[in-house]
């Protein structure tokens, strides 16, 4: 393109940075950003957010911070996507004090947190065992934005892993009242939780509901329930569920 005398524009550079970051070639993406600045083409907040996000994935927190500061020095105002990328980077390395400072700065700069902001923070807290704090963030979330199916799934899985099945079921019912469609991951989290607590009958009902919706259960979840049912001598239920499973494998409505 360059050899043909066609000068790259902001869209071209954005595509290059995005694809290099997805390919794990972050240093090459950084060189593209430096080339942009050298050629007088100002990187956008999108380009910076992609770079910061990738540094976060790679646990290169210092590089993520440096990129954020470089963006500010260049006069580019960070938007919610940039802040979310920086927030995710801090959560990944268990620096939650810094993560909360990012949220505070968003408030000071008039950048409203969105659903992804809340989900990043909740997911990070759960991932590092800060489940009580994650639940506090979840309860405060409604003041900022409405939780989505992913949020409810995270909470259901968290409570199941804490063996607080009654709370997990309450979250499930609340999710249904909000008319969110549960995904395969939502069903699996609750079915596995019920199996771990001996709630095989309820797990079987959920498994049937899951397949009635055209969602194919994961092999691990189906196998776990099947094993428990056979242990209890409930071959009839195993046969019924297996028959539904076979039909779903042949003609899945939703995979």
C-alpha atoms as a PDB file:
ATOM      1  CA  UNK A   1       0.000   0.000   0.000  1.00  0.00           C
ATOM      2  CA  UNK A   2       2.746   2.424   0.997  1.00  0.00           C
ATOM      3  CA  UNK A   3       4.958   1.394  -1.927  1.00  0.00           C
ATOM      4  CA  UNK A   4       2.068   2.235  -4.260  1.00  0.00           C
ATOM      5  CA  UNK A   5       2.023   5.763  -2.894  1.00  0.00           C
ATOM      6  CA  UNK A   6      -1.183   5.331  -0.901  1.00  0.00           C
ATOM      7  CA  UNK A   7      -0.800   7.025   2.468  1.00  0.00           C
ATOM      8  CA  UNK A   8      -2.290   5.116   5.431  1.00  0.00           C
ATOM      9  CA  UNK A   9      -5.034   6.953   7.288  1.00  0.00           C
ATOM     10  CA  UNK A  10      -6.434   6.601  10.820  1.00  0.00           C
ATOM     11  CA  UNK A  11      -8.655   3.656   9.781  1.00  0.00           C
ATOM     12  CA  UNK A  12      -5.688   1.775   8.292  1.00  0.00           C
ATOM     13  CA  UNK A  13      -3.592   2.320  11.394  1.00  0.00           C
ATOM     14  CA  UNK A  14      -6.474   1.288  13.638  1.00  0.00           C
ATOM     15  CA  UNK A  15      -6.895  -1.997  11.772  1.00  0.00           C
ATOM     16  CA  UNK A  16      -3.152  -2.672  11.959  1.00  0.00           C
ATOM     17  CA  UNK A  17      -2.935  -2.027  15.712  1.00  0.00           C
ATOM     18  CA  UNK A  18      -6.041  -4.118  16.390  1.00  0.00           C
ATOM     19  CA  UNK A  19      -4.912  -7.138  14.356  1.00  0.00           C
ATOM     20  CA  UNK A  20      -1.331  -7.049  15.691  1.00  0.00           C
ATOM     21  CA  UNK A  21      -2.615  -6.960  19.276  1.00  0.00           C
ATOM     22  CA  UNK A  22      -4.975  -9.876  18.603  1.00  0.00           C
ATOM     23  CA  UNK A  23      -2.035 -11.789  17.141  1.00  0.00           C
ATOM     24  CA  UNK A  24      -0.003 -11.167  20.292  1.00  0.00           C
ATOM     25  CA  UNK A  25       2.439  -8.866  18.516  1.00  0.00           C
ATOM     26  CA  UNK A  26       2.012  -5.990  20.949  1.00  0.00           C
ATOM     27  CA  UNK A  27       5.475  -4.503  20.491  1.00  0.00           C
ATOM     28  CA  UNK A  28       4.869  -4.285  16.740  1.00  0.00           C
ATOM     29  CA  UNK A  29       1.525  -2.589  17.445  1.00  0.00           C
ATOM     30  CA  UNK A  30       3.317  -0.078  19.666  1.00  0.00           C
ATOM     31  CA  UNK A  31       5.730   0.643  16.812  1.00  0.00           C
ATOM     32  CA  UNK A  32       2.736   1.373  14.561  1.00  0.00           C
ATOM     33  CA  UNK A  33       1.472   3.914  17.126  1.00  0.00           C
ATOM     34  CA  UNK A  34       4.902   5.565  17.227  1.00  0.00           C
ATOM     35  CA  UNK A  35       4.944   5.634  13.410  1.00  0.00           C
ATOM     36  CA  UNK A  36       1.535   7.309  13.407  1.00  0.00           C
ATOM     37  CA  UNK A  37       2.765  10.057  15.700  1.00  0.00           C
ATOM     38  CA  UNK A  38       5.909  10.508  13.595  1.00  0.00           C
ATOM     39  CA  UNK A  39       3.742  10.899  10.477  1.00  0.00           C
ATOM     40  CA  UNK A  40       1.514  13.422  12.196  1.00  0.00           C
ATOM     41  CA  UNK A  41      -1.474  11.091  12.473  1.00  0.00           C
ATOM     42  CA  UNK A  42      -2.935  11.330  15.987  1.00  0.00           C
ATOM     43  CA  UNK A  43      -3.925   7.926  17.473  1.00  0.00           C
ATOM     44  CA  UNK A  44      -7.551   7.725  18.570  1.00  0.00           C
ATOM     45  CA  UNK A  45      -8.906   6.634  21.942  1.00  0.00           C
ATOM     46  CA  UNK A  46      -9.891   3.329  20.274  1.00  0.00           C
ATOM     47  CA  UNK A  47      -6.295   2.610  19.293  1.00  0.00           C
ATOM     48  CA  UNK A  48      -5.048   3.415  22.785  1.00  0.00           C
ATOM     49  CA  UNK A  49      -7.762   1.281  24.387  1.00  0.00           C
ATOM     50  CA  UNK A  50      -6.790  -1.732  22.246  1.00  0.00           C
ATOM     51  CA  UNK A  51      -3.138  -1.339  23.207  1.00  0.00           C
ATOM     52  CA  UNK A  52      -3.887  -0.877  26.930  1.00  0.00           C
ATOM     53  CA  UNK A  53      -6.273  -3.854  26.900  1.00  0.00           C
ATOM     54  CA  UNK A  54      -3.634  -6.093  25.323  1.00  0.00           C
ATOM     55  CA  UNK A  55      -0.941  -4.994  27.766  1.00  0.00           C
ATOM     56  CA  UNK A  56      -3.380  -5.893  30.531  1.00  0.00           C
ATOM     57  CA  UNK A  57      -3.924  -9.382  29.120  1.00  0.00           C
ATOM     58  CA  UNK A  58      -0.153  -9.854  28.977  1.00  0.00           C
ATOM     59  CA  UNK A  59       0.260  -8.643  32.601  1.00  0.00           C
ATOM     60  CA  UNK A  60       2.384  -5.733  31.365  1.00  0.00           C
ATOM     61  CA  UNK A  61       0.800  -3.271  33.765  1.00  0.00           C
ATOM     62  CA  UNK A  62       3.605  -0.693  33.562  1.00  0.00           C
ATOM     63  CA  UNK A  63       3.289  -0.561  29.777  1.00  0.00           C
ATOM     64  CA  UNK A  64      -0.501  -0.186  30.123  1.00  0.00           C
ATOM     65  CA  UNK A  65      -0.045   2.770  32.500  1.00  0.00           C
ATOM     66  CA  UNK A  66       2.642   4.355  30.285  1.00  0.00           C
ATOM     67  CA  UNK A  67       0.346   4.106  27.256  1.00  0.00           C
ATOM     68  CA  UNK A  68      -2.494   5.717  29.194  1.00  0.00           C
ATOM     69  CA  UNK A  69      -0.239   8.585  30.321  1.00  0.00           C
ATOM     70  CA  UNK A  70       1.124   8.979  26.782  1.00  0.00           C
ATOM     71  CA  UNK A  71      -2.448   9.272  25.506  1.00  0.00           C
ATOM     72  CA  UNK A  72      -3.187  12.043  28.012  1.00  0.00           C
ATOM     73  CA  UNK A  73       0.042  13.866  27.123  1.00  0.00           C
ATOM     74  CA  UNK A  74      -1.034  13.783  23.481  1.00  0.00           C
ATOM     75  CA  UNK A  75      -4.264  15.520  24.394  1.00  0.00           C
ATOM     76  CA  UNK A  76      -6.536  12.540  23.699  1.00  0.00           C
ATOM     77  CA  UNK A  77      -9.355  12.414  26.221  1.00  0.00           C
ATOM     78  CA  UNK A  78      -9.902   8.894  27.581  1.00  0.00           C
ATOM     79  CA  UNK A  79     -13.389   7.522  27.037  1.00  0.00           C
ATOM     80  CA  UNK A  80     -15.149   4.672  28.843  1.00  0.00           C
ATOM     81  CA  UNK A  81     -13.483   2.037  26.625  1.00  0.00           C
ATOM     82  CA  UNK A  82      -9.996   3.301  27.566  1.00  0.00           C
ATOM     83  CA  UNK A  83     -10.857   3.372  31.270  1.00  0.00           C
ATOM     84  CA  UNK A  84     -12.320  -0.126  31.030  1.00  0.00           C
ATOM     85  CA  UNK A  85      -9.090  -1.379  29.460  1.00  0.00           C
ATOM     86  CA  UNK A  86      -7.016   0.176  32.254  1.00  0.00           C
ATOM     87  CA  UNK A  87      -9.439  -1.142  34.875  1.00  0.00           C
ATOM     88  CA  UNK A  88      -9.144  -4.655  33.439  1.00  0.00           C
ATOM     89  CA  UNK A  89      -5.341  -4.413  33.502  1.00  0.00           C
ATOM     90  CA  UNK A  90      -5.323  -3.536  37.210  1.00  0.00           C
ATOM     91  CA  UNK A  91      -7.864  -6.263  38.028  1.00  0.00           C
ATOM     92  CA  UNK A  92      -5.771  -8.877  36.241  1.00  0.00           C
ATOM     93  CA  UNK A  93      -2.740  -8.210  38.446  1.00  0.00           C
ATOM     94  CA  UNK A  94      -4.822  -7.987  41.644  1.00  0.00           C
ATOM     95  CA  UNK A  95      -4.340  -4.233  42.134  1.00  0.00           C
ATOM     96  CA  UNK A  96      -7.891  -3.403  43.173  1.00  0.00           C
ATOM     97  CA  UNK A  97      -6.985  -0.180  45.005  1.00  0.00           C
ATOM     98  CA  UNK A  98      -5.742   1.149  41.676  1.00  0.00           C
ATOM     99  CA  UNK A  99      -8.847  -0.231  39.954  1.00  0.00           C
ATOM    100  CA  UNK A 100     -11.107   1.734  42.311  1.00  0.00           C
ATOM    101  CA  UNK A 101      -8.994   4.833  41.674  1.00  0.00           C
ATOM    102  CA  UNK A 102      -9.739   4.418  37.967  1.00  0.00           C
ATOM    103  CA  UNK A 103     -13.470   4.354  38.748  1.00  0.00           C
ATOM    104  CA  UNK A 104     -13.066   7.471  40.918  1.00  0.00           C
ATOM    105  CA  UNK A 105     -11.202   9.255  38.133  1.00  0.00           C
ATOM    106  CA  UNK A 106     -13.968   8.367  35.690  1.00  0.00           C
ATOM    107  CA  UNK A 107     -16.417  10.069  38.033  1.00  0.00           C
ATOM    108  CA  UNK A 108     -14.203  13.167  38.347  1.00  0.00           C
ATOM    109  CA  UNK A 109     -13.770  13.400  34.573  1.00  0.00           C
ATOM    110  CA  UNK A 110     -17.491  12.981  33.929  1.00  0.00           C
ATOM    111  CA  UNK A 111     -17.126   9.609  32.200  1.00  0.00           C
ATOM    112  CA  UNK A 112     -20.030   7.409  33.248  1.00  0.00           C
ATOM    113  CA  UNK A 113     -19.176   3.749  33.944  1.00  0.00           C
ATOM    114  CA  UNK A 114     -21.095   1.324  31.767  1.00  0.00           C
ATOM    115  CA  UNK A 115     -22.149  -2.295  32.138  1.00  0.00           C
ATOM    116  CA  UNK A 116     -18.758  -3.548  30.997  1.00  0.00           C
ATOM    117  CA  UNK A 117     -17.053  -1.469  33.706  1.00  0.00           C
ATOM    118  CA  UNK A 118     -19.085  -3.244  36.389  1.00  0.00           C
ATOM    119  CA  UNK A 119     -18.629  -6.695  34.861  1.00  0.00           C
ATOM    120  CA  UNK A 120     -14.847  -6.262  34.573  1.00  0.00           C
ATOM    121  CA  UNK A 121     -14.629  -5.314  38.243  1.00  0.00           C
ATOM    122  CA  UNK A 122     -16.942  -8.114  39.430  1.00  0.00           C
ATOM    123  CA  UNK A 123     -15.156 -10.719  37.312  1.00  0.00           C
ATOM    124  CA  UNK A 124     -11.752  -9.562  38.563  1.00  0.00           C
ATOM    125  CA  UNK A 125     -12.823  -9.666  42.212  1.00  0.00           C
ATOM    126  CA  UNK A 126     -14.328 -13.147  41.871  1.00  0.00           C
ATOM    127  CA  UNK A 127     -11.233 -14.383  40.041  1.00  0.00           C
ATOM    128  CA  UNK A 128      -9.030 -13.332  42.964  1.00  0.00           C
ATOM    129  CA  UNK A 129     -11.332 -14.743  45.645  1.00  0.00           C
ATOM    130  CA  UNK A 130     -12.760 -11.383  46.743  1.00  0.00           C
ATOM    131  CA  UNK A 131     -16.310 -12.742  46.572  1.00  0.00           C
ATOM    132  CA  UNK A 132     -17.810 -10.606  49.367  1.00  0.00           C
ATOM    133  CA  UNK A 133     -16.534  -7.450  47.679  1.00  0.00           C
ATOM    134  CA  UNK A 134     -17.834  -8.719  44.320  1.00  0.00           C
ATOM    135  CA  UNK A 135     -21.301  -9.099  45.840  1.00  0.00           C
ATOM    136  CA  UNK A 136     -21.133  -5.538  47.203  1.00  0.00           C
ATOM    137  CA  UNK A 137     -20.271  -4.229  43.734  1.00  0.00           C
ATOM    138  CA  UNK A 138     -23.128  -6.275  42.272  1.00  0.00           C
ATOM    139  CA  UNK A 139     -25.633  -4.773  44.734  1.00  0.00           C
ATOM    140  CA  UNK A 140     -24.434  -1.228  43.989  1.00  0.00           C
ATOM    141  CA  UNK A 141     -24.503  -1.895  40.279  1.00  0.00           C
ATOM    142  CA  UNK A 142     -28.199  -1.151  39.792  1.00  0.00           C
ATOM    143  CA  UNK A 143     -27.527   2.486  40.733  1.00  0.00           C
ATOM    144  CA  UNK A 144     -25.205   2.803  37.732  1.00  0.00           C
ATOM    145  CA  UNK A 145     -26.441   0.304  35.147  1.00  0.00           C
ATOM    146  CA  UNK A 146     -28.706  -2.711  34.831  1.00  0.00           C
ATOM    147  CA  UNK A 147     -26.876  -6.057  35.192  1.00  0.00           C
ATOM    148  CA  UNK A 148     -27.029  -8.315  32.145  1.00  0.00           C
ATOM    149  CA  UNK A 149     -27.120 -12.106  31.680  1.00  0.00           C
ATOM    150  CA  UNK A 150     -23.315 -12.315  32.015  1.00  0.00           C
ATOM    151  CA  UNK A 151     -23.448 -10.505  35.358  1.00  0.00           C
ATOM    152  CA  UNK A 152     -26.105 -12.851  36.722  1.00  0.00           C
ATOM    153  CA  UNK A 153     -24.180 -15.878  35.448  1.00  0.00           C
ATOM    154  CA  UNK A 154     -21.041 -14.740  37.275  1.00  0.00           C
ATOM    155  CA  UNK A 155     -22.985 -14.306  40.503  1.00  0.00           C
ATOM    156  CA  UNK A 156     -24.792 -17.651  40.197  1.00  0.00           C
ATOM    157  CA  UNK A 157     -21.487 -19.442  39.587  1.00  0.00           C
ATOM    158  CA  UNK A 158     -19.864 -17.602  42.487  1.00  0.00           C
ATOM    159  CA  UNK A 159     -22.581 -18.535  44.982  1.00  0.00           C
ATOM    160  CA  UNK A 160     -22.617 -22.134  43.762  1.00  0.00           C
ATOM    161  CA  UNK A 161     -18.859 -22.362  44.316  1.00  0.00           C
ATOM    162  CA  UNK A 162     -19.387 -20.896  47.804  1.00  0.00           C
ATOM    163  CA  UNK A 163     -22.035 -23.598  48.385  1.00  0.00           C
ATOM    164  CA  UNK A 164     -24.642 -20.881  48.977  1.00  0.00           C
ATOM    165  CA  UNK A 165     -27.148 -22.521  46.712  1.00  0.00           C
ATOM    166  CA  UNK A 166     -30.225 -20.746  48.069  1.00  0.00           C
ATOM    167  CA  UNK A 167     -28.765 -17.353  47.158  1.00  0.00           C
ATOM    168  CA  UNK A 168     -27.759 -18.686  43.719  1.00  0.00           C
ATOM    169  CA  UNK A 169     -31.356 -19.805  43.153  1.00  0.00           C
ATOM    170  CA  UNK A 170     -32.654 -16.402  44.228  1.00  0.00           C
ATOM    171  CA  UNK A 171     -30.353 -14.725  41.695  1.00  0.00           C
ATOM    172  CA  UNK A 172     -31.638 -17.178  39.066  1.00  0.00           C
ATOM    173  CA  UNK A 173     -35.274 -16.317  39.843  1.00  0.00           C
ATOM    174  CA  UNK A 174     -34.513 -12.594  39.786  1.00  0.00           C
ATOM    175  CA  UNK A 175     -32.817 -13.064  36.429  1.00  0.00           C
ATOM    176  CA  UNK A 176     -35.931 -14.792  35.109  1.00  0.00           C
ATOM    177  CA  UNK A 177     -38.153 -11.979  36.371  1.00  0.00           C
ATOM    178  CA  UNK A 178     -35.988  -9.550  34.443  1.00  0.00           C
ATOM    179  CA  UNK A 179     -36.640 -11.752  31.379  1.00  0.00           C
ATOM    180  CA  UNK A 180     -32.986 -12.443  30.640  1.00  0.00           C
ATOM    181  CA  UNK A 181     -32.417 -15.618  28.638  1.00  0.00           C
ATOM    182  CA  UNK A 182     -29.956 -17.887  30.480  1.00  0.00           C
ATOM    183  CA  UNK A 183     -27.032 -19.151  28.413  1.00  0.00           C
ATOM    184  CA  UNK A 184     -25.384 -22.554  28.445  1.00  0.00           C
ATOM    185  CA  UNK A 185     -22.912 -21.205  31.011  1.00  0.00           C
ATOM    186  CA  UNK A 186     -25.741 -20.002  33.278  1.00  0.00           C
ATOM    187  CA  UNK A 187     -27.496 -23.365  33.202  1.00  0.00           C
ATOM    188  CA  UNK A 188     -24.223 -25.256  33.672  1.00  0.00           C
ATOM    189  CA  UNK A 189     -23.194 -23.177  36.688  1.00  0.00           C
ATOM    190  CA  UNK A 190     -26.460 -23.861  38.507  1.00  0.00           C
ATOM    191  CA  UNK A 191     -26.734 -27.536  37.466  1.00  0.00           C
ATOM    192  CA  UNK A 192     -23.174 -28.197  38.674  1.00  0.00           C
ATOM    193  CA  UNK A 193     -23.927 -26.365  41.922  1.00  0.00           C
ATOM    194  CA  UNK A 194     -27.061 -28.459  42.496  1.00  0.00           C
ATOM    195  CA  UNK A 195     -25.159 -31.659  41.754  1.00  0.00           C
ATOM    196  CA  UNK A 196     -22.474 -30.730  44.284  1.00  0.00           C
ATOM    197  CA  UNK A 197     -25.141 -30.193  46.963  1.00  0.00           C
ATOM    198  CA  UNK A 198     -27.122 -33.333  46.138  1.00  0.00           C
ATOM    199  CA  UNK A 199     -29.979 -31.511  44.403  1.00  0.00           C
ATOM    200  CA  UNK A 200     -30.166 -34.070  41.610  1.00  0.00           C
ATOM    201  CA  UNK A 201     -33.920 -33.780  41.023  1.00  0.00           C
ATOM    202  CA  UNK A 202     -33.787 -29.995  40.613  1.00  0.00           C
ATOM    203  CA  UNK A 203     -30.674 -30.348  38.432  1.00  0.00           C
ATOM    204  CA  UNK A 204     -32.546 -32.819  36.186  1.00  0.00           C
ATOM    205  CA  UNK A 205     -35.445 -30.372  35.760  1.00  0.00           C
ATOM    206  CA  UNK A 206     -33.004 -27.622  34.810  1.00  0.00           C
ATOM    207  CA  UNK A 207     -31.221 -29.936  32.390  1.00  0.00           C
ATOM    208  CA  UNK A 208     -34.531 -30.710  30.697  1.00  0.00           C
ATOM    209  CA  UNK A 209     -35.422 -26.996  30.551  1.00  0.00           C
ATOM    210  CA  UNK A 210     -32.020 -26.230  29.096  1.00  0.00           C
ATOM    211  CA  UNK A 211     -32.484 -28.730  26.266  1.00  0.00           C
ATOM    212  CA  UNK A 212     -36.100 -27.651  25.709  1.00  0.00           C
ATOM    213  CA  UNK A 213     -34.687 -24.201  24.937  1.00  0.00           C
ATOM    214  CA  UNK A 214     -32.444 -25.799  22.335  1.00  0.00           C
ATOM    215  CA  UNK A 215     -29.243 -25.286  24.330  1.00  0.00           C
ATOM    216  CA  UNK A 216     -26.841 -28.203  24.215  1.00  0.00           C
ATOM    217  CA  UNK A 217     -25.305 -28.958  27.640  1.00  0.00           C
ATOM    218  CA  UNK A 218     -21.570 -29.329  27.986  1.00  0.00           C
ATOM    219  CA  UNK A 219     -20.191 -32.859  28.147  1.00  0.00           C
ATOM    220  CA  UNK A 220     -18.829 -32.399  31.669  1.00  0.00           C
ATOM    221  CA  UNK A 221     -22.125 -31.081  33.079  1.00  0.00           C
ATOM    222  CA  UNK A 222     -24.248 -33.769  31.404  1.00  0.00           C
ATOM    223  CA  UNK A 223     -21.823 -36.525  32.454  1.00  0.00           C
ATOM    224  CA  UNK A 224     -21.772 -35.343  36.045  1.00  0.00           C
ATOM    225  CA  UNK A 225     -25.557 -35.371  36.354  1.00  0.00           C
ATOM    226  CA  UNK A 226     -25.804 -38.721  34.566  1.00  0.00           C
ATOM    227  CA  UNK A 227     -23.338 -40.302  36.983  1.00  0.00           C
ATOM    228  CA  UNK A 228     -25.275 -39.065  40.031  1.00  0.00           C
ATOM    229  CA  UNK A 229     -28.602 -40.235  38.609  1.00  0.00           C
ATOM    230  CA  UNK A 230     -27.215 -43.715  37.945  1.00  0.00           C
ATOM    231  CA  UNK A 231     -25.804 -43.790  41.459  1.00  0.00           C
ATOM    232  CA  UNK A 232     -29.318 -43.148  42.787  1.00  0.00           C
ATOM    233  CA  UNK A 233     -30.767 -45.852  40.532  1.00  0.00           C
ATOM    234  CA  UNK A 234     -32.727 -43.406  38.374  1.00  0.00           C
ATOM    235  CA  UNK A 235     -32.026 -45.006  35.019  1.00  0.00           C
ATOM    236  CA  UNK A 236     -35.432 -43.842  33.725  1.00  0.00           C
ATOM    237  CA  UNK A 237     -34.423 -40.172  34.091  1.00  0.00           C
ATOM    238  CA  UNK A 238     -31.048 -40.888  32.486  1.00  0.00           C
ATOM    239  CA  UNK A 239     -32.793 -42.540  29.521  1.00  0.00           C
ATOM    240  CA  UNK A 240     -35.216 -39.601  29.184  1.00  0.00           C
ATOM    241  CA  UNK A 241     -32.448 -36.985  29.256  1.00  0.00           C
ATOM    242  CA  UNK A 242     -30.188 -38.995  26.959  1.00  0.00           C
ATOM    243  CA  UNK A 243     -33.004 -39.287  24.425  1.00  0.00           C
ATOM    244  CA  UNK A 244     -33.473 -35.496  24.478  1.00  0.00           C
ATOM    245  CA  UNK A 245     -29.728 -35.033  24.188  1.00  0.00           C
ATOM    246  CA  UNK A 246     -29.527 -37.294  21.131  1.00  0.00           C
ATOM    247  CA  UNK A 247     -32.267 -35.320  19.405  1.00  0.00           C
ATOM    248  CA  UNK A 248     -30.531 -32.059  20.214  1.00  0.00           C
ATOM    249  CA  UNK A 249     -27.195 -33.292  18.850  1.00  0.00           C
ATOM    250  CA  UNK A 250     -28.899 -34.193  15.565  1.00  0.00           C
ATOM    251  CA  UNK A 251     -30.816 -30.936  15.220  1.00  0.00           C
ATOM    252  CA  UNK A 252     -29.456 -28.320  17.661  1.00  0.00           C
ATOM    253  CA  UNK A 253     -31.452 -25.097  17.952  1.00  0.00           C
ATOM    254  CA  UNK A 254     -28.675 -23.349  19.841  1.00  0.00           C
ATOM    255  CA  UNK A 255     -25.122 -24.589  20.448  1.00  0.00           C
END
